[in-house]
Amino acid sequence: ALHKMADQVDRLQLAWIAAGRPAKPLDEMFEGGHA
């Protein structure tokens, strides 16, 4: 389970980097259906 969690964190981290390292987590950026 911890290895799966680490894999998920890798995916989130890559998406965060691709988004330009915003100060907010990605889920907060997309609340309400828009960035």
Full PDB file with SEQRES, HELIX, SHEET, SSBOND, CRYST1, ORIGX, SCALE, CONECT and MASTER records, all heavy atoms in Angstrom:
SEQRES   1 A   35  ALA LEU HIS LYS MET ALA ASP GLN VAL ASP ARG LEU GLN          
SEQRES   2 A   35  LEU ALA TRP ILE ALA ALA GLY ARG PRO ALA LYS PRO LEU          
SEQRES   3 A   35  ASP GLU MET PHE GLU GLY GLY HIS ALA                          
HELIX    1 AA1 LEU A    2  ALA A   18  1                                  17    
HELIX    2 AA2 LEU A   26  MET A   29  1                                   4    
HELIX    3 AA3 GLU A   31  GLY A   33  5                                   3    
CRYST1    1.000    1.000    1.000  90.00  90.00  90.00 P 1           1          
ORIGX1      1.000000  0.000000  0.000000        0.00000                         
ORIGX2      0.000000  1.000000  0.000000        0.00000                         
ORIGX3      0.000000  0.000000  1.000000        0.00000                         
SCALE1      1.000000  0.000000  0.000000        0.00000                         
SCALE2      0.000000  1.000000  0.000000        0.00000                         
SCALE3      0.000000  0.000000  1.000000        0.00000                         
ATOM      1  N   ALA A   1       0.830  -1.208   0.000  1.00  0.00           N  
ATOM      2  CA  ALA A   1       0.000   0.000   0.000  1.00  0.00           C  
ATOM      3  C   ALA A   1       0.867   1.261   0.000  1.00  0.00           C  
ATOM      4  O   ALA A   1       0.540   2.244  -0.685  1.00  0.00           O  
ATOM      5  CB  ALA A   1      -0.940  -0.006   1.198  1.00  0.00           C  
ATOM      6  N   LEU A   2       1.957   1.243   0.731  1.00  0.00           N  
ATOM      7  CA  LEU A   2       2.845   2.414   0.769  1.00  0.00           C  
ATOM      8  C   LEU A   2       3.535   2.633  -0.572  1.00  0.00           C  
ATOM      9  O   LEU A   2       3.731   3.767  -1.004  1.00  0.00           O  
ATOM     10  CB  LEU A   2       3.866   2.279   1.897  1.00  0.00           C  
ATOM     11  CG  LEU A   2       3.275   2.392   3.301  1.00  0.00           C  
ATOM     12  CD1 LEU A   2       4.329   2.080   4.354  1.00  0.00           C  
ATOM     13  CD2 LEU A   2       2.666   3.765   3.534  1.00  0.00           C  
ATOM     14  N   HIS A   3       3.878   1.550  -1.249  1.00  0.00           N  
ATOM     15  CA  HIS A   3       4.462   1.696  -2.586  1.00  0.00           C  
ATOM     16  C   HIS A   3       3.427   2.279  -3.551  1.00  0.00           C  
ATOM     17  O   HIS A   3       3.766   3.130  -4.385  1.00  0.00           O  
ATOM     18  CB  HIS A   3       5.011   0.355  -3.088  1.00  0.00           C  
ATOM     19  CG  HIS A   3       6.425   0.119  -2.662  1.00  0.00           C  
ATOM     20  ND1 HIS A   3       7.501   0.439  -3.454  1.00  0.00           N  
ATOM     21  CD2 HIS A   3       6.935  -0.382  -1.504  1.00  0.00           C  
ATOM     22  CE1 HIS A   3       8.619   0.140  -2.814  1.00  0.00           C  
ATOM     23  NE2 HIS A   3       8.302  -0.360  -1.635  1.00  0.00           N  
ATOM     24  N   LYS A   4       2.175   1.857  -3.452  1.00  0.00           N  
ATOM     25  CA  LYS A   4       1.120   2.425  -4.297  1.00  0.00           C  
ATOM     26  C   LYS A   4       0.914   3.901  -3.978  1.00  0.00           C  
ATOM     27  O   LYS A   4       0.713   4.725  -4.879  1.00  0.00           O  
ATOM     28  CB  LYS A   4      -0.193   1.656  -4.120  1.00  0.00           C  
ATOM     29  CG  LYS A   4      -0.188   0.309  -4.785  1.00  0.00           C  
ATOM     30  CD  LYS A   4      -1.512  -0.396  -4.611  1.00  0.00           C  
ATOM     31  CE  LYS A   4      -1.466  -1.765  -5.237  1.00  0.00           C  
ATOM     32  NZ  LYS A   4      -2.717  -2.514  -5.049  1.00  0.00           N  
ATOM     33  N   MET A   5       0.959   4.268  -2.699  1.00  0.00           N  
ATOM     34  CA  MET A   5       0.821   5.670  -2.311  1.00  0.00           C  
ATOM     35  C   MET A   5       1.985   6.483  -2.876  1.00  0.00           C  
ATOM     36  O   MET A   5       1.792   7.588  -3.386  1.00  0.00           O  
ATOM     37  CB  MET A   5       0.756   5.808  -0.786  1.00  0.00           C  
ATOM     38  CG  MET A   5       0.634   7.236  -0.291  1.00  0.00           C  
ATOM     39  SD  MET A   5      -0.809   8.159  -0.876  1.00  0.00           S  
ATOM     40  CE  MET A   5      -2.136   7.139  -0.279  1.00  0.00           C  
ATOM     41  N   ALA A   6       3.183   5.940  -2.826  1.00  0.00           N  
ATOM     42  CA  ALA A   6       4.343   6.634  -3.388  1.00  0.00           C  
ATOM     43  C   ALA A   6       4.189   6.807  -4.905  1.00  0.00           C  
ATOM     44  O   ALA A   6       4.535   7.863  -5.451  1.00  0.00           O  
ATOM     45  CB  ALA A   6       5.628   5.883  -3.053  1.00  0.00           C  
ATOM     46  N   ASP A   7       3.645   5.802  -5.587  1.00  0.00           N  
ATOM     47  CA  ASP A   7       3.392   5.923  -7.031  1.00  0.00           C  
ATOM     48  C   ASP A   7       2.393   7.048  -7.307  1.00  0.00           C  
ATOM     49  O   ASP A   7       2.555   7.822  -8.251  1.00  0.00           O  
ATOM     50  CB  ASP A   7       2.866   4.607  -7.604  1.00  0.00           C  
ATOM     51  CG  ASP A   7       3.900   3.493  -7.597  1.00  0.00           C  
ATOM     52  OD1 ASP A   7       5.105   3.773  -7.412  1.00  0.00           O  
ATOM     53  OD2 ASP A   7       3.493   2.324  -7.768  1.00  0.00           O  
ATOM     54  N   GLN A   8       1.351   7.135  -6.479  1.00  0.00           N  
ATOM     55  CA  GLN A   8       0.363   8.203  -6.634  1.00  0.00           C  
ATOM     56  C   GLN A   8       1.017   9.571  -6.411  1.00  0.00           C  
ATOM     57  O   GLN A   8       0.764  10.520  -7.146  1.00  0.00           O  
ATOM     58  CB  GLN A   8      -0.796   8.004  -5.660  1.00  0.00           C  
ATOM     59  CG  GLN A   8      -1.842   9.099  -5.745  1.00  0.00           C  
ATOM     60  CD  GLN A   8      -2.946   8.935  -4.722  1.00  0.00           C  
ATOM     61  OE1 GLN A   8      -2.896   8.083  -3.853  1.00  0.00           O  
ATOM     62  NE2 GLN A   8      -3.947   9.777  -4.820  1.00  0.00           N  
ATOM     63  N   VAL A   9       1.864   9.672  -5.411  1.00  0.00           N  
ATOM     64  CA  VAL A   9       2.559  10.928  -5.132  1.00  0.00           C  
ATOM     65  C   VAL A   9       3.463  11.299  -6.313  1.00  0.00           C  
ATOM     66  O   VAL A   9       3.547  12.469  -6.690  1.00  0.00           O  
ATOM     67  CB  VAL A   9       3.329  10.843  -3.800  1.00  0.00           C  
ATOM     68  CG1 VAL A   9       4.343  11.975  -3.662  1.00  0.00           C  
ATOM     69  CG2 VAL A   9       2.350  10.871  -2.638  1.00  0.00           C  
ATOM     70  N   ASP A  10       4.124  10.306  -6.924  1.00  0.00           N  
ATOM     71  CA  ASP A  10       4.936  10.589  -8.118  1.00  0.00           C  
ATOM     72  C   ASP A  10       4.085  11.212  -9.223  1.00  0.00           C  
ATOM     73  O   ASP A  10       4.484  12.198  -9.845  1.00  0.00           O  
ATOM     74  CB  ASP A  10       5.581   9.309  -8.654  1.00  0.00           C  
ATOM     75  CG  ASP A  10       6.874   8.946  -7.962  1.00  0.00           C  
ATOM     76  OD1 ASP A  10       7.516   9.832  -7.351  1.00  0.00           O  
ATOM     77  OD2 ASP A  10       7.259   7.757  -8.045  1.00  0.00           O  
ATOM     78  N   ARG A  11       2.903  10.647  -9.465  1.00  0.00           N  
ATOM     79  CA  ARG A  11       2.022  11.176 -10.509  1.00  0.00           C  
ATOM     80  C   ARG A  11       1.551  12.595 -10.167  1.00  0.00           C  
ATOM     81  O   ARG A  11       1.548  13.483 -11.026  1.00  0.00           O  
ATOM     82  CB  ARG A  11       0.831  10.240 -10.729  1.00  0.00           C  
ATOM     83  CG  ARG A  11       1.215   8.938 -11.422  1.00  0.00           C  
ATOM     84  CD  ARG A  11       0.016   8.112 -11.829  1.00  0.00           C  
ATOM     85  NE  ARG A  11      -0.800   7.663 -10.717  1.00  0.00           N  
ATOM     86  CZ  ARG A  11      -0.572   6.586  -9.979  1.00  0.00           C  
ATOM     87  NH1 ARG A  11       0.462   5.809 -10.237  1.00  0.00           N  
ATOM     88  NH2 ARG A  11      -1.371   6.251  -8.992  1.00  0.00           N  
ATOM     89  N   LEU A  12       1.159  12.817  -8.925  1.00  0.00           N  
ATOM     90  CA  LEU A  12       0.742  14.153  -8.501  1.00  0.00           C  
ATOM     91  C   LEU A  12       1.889  15.158  -8.622  1.00  0.00           C  
ATOM     92  O   LEU A  12       1.685  16.288  -9.067  1.00  0.00           O  
ATOM     93  CB  LEU A  12       0.218  14.117  -7.064  1.00  0.00           C  
ATOM     94  CG  LEU A  12      -1.138  13.454  -6.850  1.00  0.00           C  
ATOM     95  CD1 LEU A  12      -1.369  13.183  -5.369  1.00  0.00           C  
ATOM     96  CD2 LEU A  12      -2.241  14.323  -7.420  1.00  0.00           C  
ATOM     97  N   GLN A  13       3.074  14.736  -8.224  1.00  0.00           N  
ATOM     98  CA  GLN A  13       4.237  15.617  -8.286  1.00  0.00           C  
ATOM     99  C   GLN A  13       4.542  16.013  -9.734  1.00  0.00           C  
ATOM    100  O   GLN A  13       4.803  17.185 -10.014  1.00  0.00           O  
ATOM    101  CB  GLN A  13       5.453  14.931  -7.639  1.00  0.00           C  
ATOM    102  CG  GLN A  13       6.676  15.799  -7.525  1.00  0.00           C  
ATOM    103  CD  GLN A  13       6.559  16.846  -6.433  1.00  0.00           C  
ATOM    104  OE1 GLN A  13       5.533  17.023  -5.775  1.00  0.00           O  
ATOM    105  NE2 GLN A  13       7.636  17.576  -6.220  1.00  0.00           N  
ATOM    106  N   LEU A  14       4.497  15.061 -10.655  1.00  0.00           N  
ATOM    107  CA  LEU A  14       4.750  15.368 -12.064  1.00  0.00           C  
ATOM    108  C   LEU A  14       3.700  16.332 -12.615  1.00  0.00           C  
ATOM    109  O   LEU A  14       4.032  17.263 -13.356  1.00  0.00           O  
ATOM    110  CB  LEU A  14       4.787  14.085 -12.887  1.00  0.00           C  
ATOM    111  CG  LEU A  14       6.025  13.201 -12.673  1.00  0.00           C  
ATOM    112  CD1 LEU A  14       5.876  11.884 -13.417  1.00  0.00           C  
ATOM    113  CD2 LEU A  14       7.295  13.925 -13.095  1.00  0.00           C  
ATOM    114  N   ALA A  15       2.438  16.121 -12.242  1.00  0.00           N  
ATOM    115  CA  ALA A  15       1.370  17.027 -12.688  1.00  0.00           C  
ATOM    116  C   ALA A  15       1.567  18.415 -12.093  1.00  0.00           C  
ATOM    117  O   ALA A  15       1.351  19.427 -12.774  1.00  0.00           O  
ATOM    118  CB  ALA A  15       0.004  16.466 -12.309  1.00  0.00           C  
ATOM    119  N   TRP A  16       1.982  18.490 -10.842  1.00  0.00           N  
ATOM    120  CA  TRP A  16       2.230  19.771 -10.182  1.00  0.00           C  
ATOM    121  C   TRP A  16       3.369  20.520 -10.868  1.00  0.00           C  
ATOM    122  O   TRP A  16       3.280  21.721 -11.131  1.00  0.00           O  
ATOM    123  CB  TRP A  16       2.530  19.521  -8.700  1.00  0.00           C  
ATOM    124  CG  TRP A  16       2.882  20.726  -7.896  1.00  0.00           C  
ATOM    125  CD1 TRP A  16       2.051  21.737  -7.521  1.00  0.00           C  
ATOM    126  CD2 TRP A  16       4.164  21.049  -7.351  1.00  0.00           C  
ATOM    127  NE1 TRP A  16       2.737  22.666  -6.769  1.00  0.00           N  
ATOM    128  CE2 TRP A  16       4.028  22.261  -6.655  1.00  0.00           C  
ATOM    129  CE3 TRP A  16       5.401  20.418  -7.371  1.00  0.00           C  
ATOM    130  CZ2 TRP A  16       5.099  22.854  -5.989  1.00  0.00           C  
ATOM    131  CZ3 TRP A  16       6.462  21.016  -6.707  1.00  0.00           C  
ATOM    132  CH2 TRP A  16       6.298  22.225  -6.029  1.00  0.00           C  
ATOM    133  N   ILE A  17       4.440  19.800 -11.200  1.00  0.00           N  
ATOM    134  CA  ILE A  17       5.572  20.413 -11.903  1.00  0.00           C  
ATOM    135  C   ILE A  17       5.129  20.896 -13.277  1.00  0.00           C  
ATOM    136  O   ILE A  17       5.447  22.013 -13.689  1.00  0.00           O  
ATOM    137  CB  ILE A  17       6.753  19.431 -11.997  1.00  0.00           C  
ATOM    138  CG1 ILE A  17       7.350  19.213 -10.593  1.00  0.00           C  
ATOM    139  CG2 ILE A  17       7.817  19.923 -12.973  1.00  0.00           C  
ATOM    140  CD1 ILE A  17       8.323  18.059 -10.500  1.00  0.00           C  
ATOM    141  N   ALA A  18       4.366  20.062 -14.010  1.00  0.00           N  
ATOM    142  CA  ALA A  18       3.882  20.436 -15.340  1.00  0.00           C  
ATOM    143  C   ALA A  18       2.971  21.666 -15.281  1.00  0.00           C  
ATOM    144  O   ALA A  18       2.921  22.456 -16.230  1.00  0.00           O  
ATOM    145  CB  ALA A  18       3.139  19.266 -15.985  1.00  0.00           C  
ATOM    146  N   ALA A  19       2.275  21.848 -14.158  1.00  0.00           N  
ATOM    147  CA  ALA A  19       1.390  23.009 -13.988  1.00  0.00           C  
ATOM    148  C   ALA A  19       2.156  24.265 -13.577  1.00  0.00           C  
ATOM    149  O   ALA A  19       1.554  25.307 -13.350  1.00  0.00           O  
ATOM    150  CB  ALA A  19       0.306  22.687 -12.956  1.00  0.00           C  
ATOM    151  N   GLY A  20       3.477  24.163 -13.444  1.00  0.00           N  
ATOM    152  CA  GLY A  20       4.277  25.333 -13.102  1.00  0.00           C  
ATOM    153  C   GLY A  20       4.527  25.520 -11.624  1.00  0.00           C  
ATOM    154  O   GLY A  20       4.833  26.613 -11.184  1.00  0.00           O  
ATOM    155  N   ARG A  21       4.362  24.459 -10.836  1.00  0.00           N  
ATOM    156  CA  ARG A  21       4.596  24.489  -9.383  1.00  0.00           C  
ATOM    157  C   ARG A  21       3.758  25.555  -8.673  1.00  0.00           C  
ATOM    158  O   ARG A  21       4.278  26.409  -7.944  1.00  0.00           O  
ATOM    159  CB  ARG A  21       6.072  24.687  -9.063  1.00  0.00           C  
ATOM    160  CG  ARG A  21       6.947  23.582  -9.578  1.00  0.00           C  
ATOM    161  CD  ARG A  21       8.410  23.869  -9.285  1.00  0.00           C  
ATOM    162  NE  ARG A  21       9.261  22.889  -9.898  1.00  0.00           N  
ATOM    163  CZ  ARG A  21       9.864  21.891  -9.244  1.00  0.00           C  
ATOM    164  NH1 ARG A  21       9.703  21.768  -7.961  1.00  0.00           N  
ATOM    165  NH2 ARG A  21      10.620  21.042  -9.896  1.00  0.00           N  
ATOM    166  N   PRO A  22       2.441  25.528  -8.872  1.00  0.00           N  
ATOM    167  CA  PRO A  22       1.595  26.527  -8.203  1.00  0.00           C  
ATOM    168  C   PRO A  22       1.638  26.368  -6.681  1.00  0.00           C  
ATOM    169  O   PRO A  22       1.962  25.303  -6.159  1.00  0.00           O  
ATOM    170  CB  PRO A  22       0.201  26.224  -8.745  1.00  0.00           C  
ATOM    171  CG  PRO A  22       0.259  24.803  -9.185  1.00  0.00           C  
ATOM    172  CD  PRO A  22       1.666  24.563  -9.636  1.00  0.00           C  
ATOM    173  N   ALA A  23       1.303  27.432  -5.978  1.00  0.00           N  
ATOM    174  CA  ALA A  23       1.342  27.429  -4.509  1.00  0.00           C  
ATOM    175  C   ALA A  23       0.202  26.634  -3.890  1.00  0.00           C  
ATOM    176  O   ALA A  23       0.248  26.320  -2.708  1.00  0.00           O  
ATOM    177  CB  ALA A  23       1.319  28.855  -3.989  1.00  0.00           C  
ATOM    178  N   LYS A  24      -0.833  26.328  -4.674  1.00  0.00           N  
ATOM    179  CA  LYS A  24      -1.964  25.559  -4.159  1.00  0.00           C  
ATOM    180  C   LYS A  24      -1.911  24.145  -4.708  1.00  0.00           C  
ATOM    181  O   LYS A  24      -1.414  23.923  -5.811  1.00  0.00           O  
ATOM    182  CB  LYS A  24      -3.286  26.185  -4.610  1.00  0.00           C  
ATOM    183  CG  LYS A  24      -3.593  27.509  -3.990  1.00  0.00           C  
ATOM    184  CD  LYS A  24      -4.946  27.995  -4.445  1.00  0.00           C  
ATOM    185  CE  LYS A  24      -5.330  29.288  -3.782  1.00  0.00           C  
ATOM    186  NZ  LYS A  24      -6.671  29.707  -4.193  1.00  0.00           N  
ATOM    187  N   PRO A  25      -2.470  23.177  -3.964  1.00  0.00           N  
ATOM    188  CA  PRO A  25      -2.550  21.824  -4.513  1.00  0.00           C  
ATOM    189  C   PRO A  25      -3.462  21.803  -5.738  1.00  0.00           C  
ATOM    190  O   PRO A  25      -4.354  22.644  -5.882  1.00  0.00           O  
ATOM    191  CB  PRO A  25      -3.119  20.987  -3.375  1.00  0.00           C  
ATOM    192  CG  PRO A  25      -3.569  21.928  -2.330  1.00  0.00           C  
ATOM    193  CD  PRO A  25      -3.002  23.278  -2.618  1.00  0.00           C  
ATOM    194  N   LEU A  26      -3.227  20.851  -6.616  1.00  0.00           N  
ATOM    195  CA  LEU A  26      -3.957  20.785  -7.874  1.00  0.00           C  
ATOM    196  C   LEU A  26      -5.461  20.688  -7.680  1.00  0.00           C  
ATOM    197  O   LEU A  26      -6.222  21.311  -8.425  1.00  0.00           O  
ATOM    198  CB  LEU A  26      -3.454  19.603  -8.709  1.00  0.00           C  
ATOM    199  CG  LEU A  26      -1.987  19.684  -9.122  1.00  0.00           C  
ATOM    200  CD1 LEU A  26      -1.582  18.400  -9.839  1.00  0.00           C  
ATOM    201  CD2 LEU A  26      -1.726  20.902  -9.978  1.00  0.00           C  
ATOM    202  N   ASP A  27      -5.921  19.944  -6.688  1.00  0.00           N  
ATOM    203  CA  ASP A  27      -7.363  19.803  -6.491  1.00  0.00           C  
ATOM    204  C   ASP A  27      -8.011  21.133  -6.125  1.00  0.00           C  
ATOM    205  O   ASP A  27      -9.136  21.408  -6.514  1.00  0.00           O  
ATOM    206  CB  ASP A  27      -7.703  18.709  -5.480  1.00  0.00           C  
ATOM    207  CG  ASP A  27      -7.051  18.911  -4.132  1.00  0.00           C  
ATOM    208  OD1 ASP A  27      -6.006  19.578  -4.050  1.00  0.00           O  
ATOM    209  OD2 ASP A  27      -7.581  18.384  -3.156  1.00  0.00           O  
ATOM    210  N   GLU A  28      -7.313  22.008  -5.414  1.00  0.00           N  
ATOM    211  CA  GLU A  28      -7.865  23.328  -5.097  1.00  0.00           C  
ATOM    212  C   GLU A  28      -7.927  24.215  -6.345  1.00  0.00           C  
ATOM    213  O   GLU A  28      -8.820  25.032  -6.482  1.00  0.00           O  
ATOM    214  CB  GLU A  28      -7.020  24.029  -4.034  1.00  0.00           C  
ATOM    215  CG  GLU A  28      -7.277  23.548  -2.638  1.00  0.00           C  
ATOM    216  CD  GLU A  28      -6.528  24.367  -1.600  1.00  0.00           C  
ATOM    217  OE1 GLU A  28      -6.176  25.540  -1.876  1.00  0.00           O  
ATOM    218  OE2 GLU A  28      -6.286  23.823  -0.518  1.00  0.00           O  
ATOM    219  N   MET A  29      -6.983  24.015  -7.247  1.00  0.00           N  
ATOM    220  CA  MET A  29      -6.964  24.815  -8.471  1.00  0.00           C  
ATOM    221  C   MET A  29      -8.167  24.496  -9.378  1.00  0.00           C  
ATOM    222  O   MET A  29      -8.618  25.350 -10.111  1.00  0.00           O  
ATOM    223  CB  MET A  29      -5.691  24.561  -9.261  1.00  0.00           C  
ATOM    224  CG  MET A  29      -4.445  25.086  -8.600  1.00  0.00           C  
ATOM    225  SD  MET A  29      -2.963  24.655  -9.504  1.00  0.00           S  
ATOM    226  CE  MET A  29      -3.368  25.191 -11.163  1.00  0.00           C  
ATOM    227  N   PHE A  30      -8.655  23.270  -9.296  1.00  0.00           N  
ATOM    228  CA  PHE A  30      -9.713  22.833 -10.202  1.00  0.00           C  
ATOM    229  C   PHE A  30     -11.079  22.736  -9.555  1.00  0.00           C  
ATOM    230  O   PHE A  30     -12.001  22.229 -10.141  1.00  0.00           O  
ATOM    231  CB  PHE A  30      -9.317  21.508 -10.853  1.00  0.00           C  
ATOM    232  CG  PHE A  30      -8.127  21.647 -11.758  1.00  0.00           C  
ATOM    233  CD1 PHE A  30      -6.882  21.253 -11.336  1.00  0.00           C  
ATOM    234  CD2 PHE A  30      -8.261  22.224 -13.002  1.00  0.00           C  
ATOM    235  CE1 PHE A  30      -5.774  21.401 -12.150  1.00  0.00           C  
ATOM    236  CE2 PHE A  30      -7.167  22.383 -13.831  1.00  0.00           C  
ATOM    237  CZ  PHE A  30      -5.919  21.969 -13.401  1.00  0.00           C  
ATOM    238  N   GLU A  31     -11.217  23.214  -8.322  1.00  0.00           N  
ATOM    239  CA  GLU A  31     -12.539  23.221  -7.682  1.00  0.00           C  
ATOM    240  C   GLU A  31     -13.481  24.092  -8.496  1.00  0.00           C  
ATOM    241  O   GLU A  31     -13.105  25.158  -8.968  1.00  0.00           O  
ATOM    242  CB  GLU A  31     -12.433  23.739  -6.248  1.00  0.00           C  
ATOM    243  CG  GLU A  31     -11.840  22.732  -5.301  1.00  0.00           C  
ATOM    244  CD  GLU A  31     -11.751  23.276  -3.886  1.00  0.00           C  
ATOM    245  OE1 GLU A  31     -12.076  24.453  -3.659  1.00  0.00           O  
ATOM    246  OE2 GLU A  31     -11.345  22.499  -3.016  1.00  0.00           O  
ATOM    247  N   GLY A  32     -14.666  23.636  -8.697  1.00  0.00           N  
ATOM    248  CA  GLY A  32     -15.652  24.390  -9.467  1.00  0.00           C  
ATOM    249  C   GLY A  32     -15.507  24.175 -10.962  1.00  0.00           C  
ATOM    250  O   GLY A  32     -16.168  24.822 -11.744  1.00  0.00           O  
ATOM    251  N   GLY A  33     -14.584  23.273 -11.389  1.00  0.00           N  
ATOM    252  CA  GLY A  33     -14.472  22.909 -12.783  1.00  0.00           C  
ATOM    253  C   GLY A  33     -13.570  23.791 -13.622  1.00  0.00           C  
ATOM    254  O   GLY A  33     -13.561  23.670 -14.827  1.00  0.00           O  
ATOM    255  N   HIS A  34     -12.779  24.671 -13.016  1.00  0.00           N  
ATOM    256  CA  HIS A  34     -11.880  25.490 -13.821  1.00  0.00           C  
ATOM    257  C   HIS A  34     -10.602  25.794 -13.043  1.00  0.00           C  
ATOM    258  O   HIS A  34     -10.567  25.684 -11.829  1.00  0.00           O  
ATOM    259  CB  HIS A  34     -12.560  26.793 -14.234  1.00  0.00           C  
ATOM    260  CG  HIS A  34     -12.965  27.639 -13.068  1.00  0.00           C  
ATOM    261  ND1 HIS A  34     -14.047  27.340 -12.277  1.00  0.00           N  
ATOM    262  CD2 HIS A  34     -12.418  28.766 -12.554  1.00  0.00           C  
ATOM    263  CE1 HIS A  34     -14.144  28.256 -11.312  1.00  0.00           C  
ATOM    264  NE2 HIS A  34     -13.180  29.114 -11.463  1.00  0.00           N  
ATOM    265  N   ALA A  35      -9.581  26.173 -13.786  1.00  0.00           N  
ATOM    266  CA  ALA A  35      -8.293  26.488 -13.159  1.00  0.00           C  
ATOM    267  C   ALA A  35      -8.139  27.989 -13.028  1.00  0.00           C  
ATOM    268  O   ALA A  35      -8.738  28.763 -13.682  1.00  0.00           O  
ATOM    269  CB  ALA A  35      -7.161  25.951 -13.999  1.00  0.00           C  
TER     270      ALA A  35                                                      
MASTER        0    0    0    3    0    0    0    6  269    1    0    3          
END                                                                             
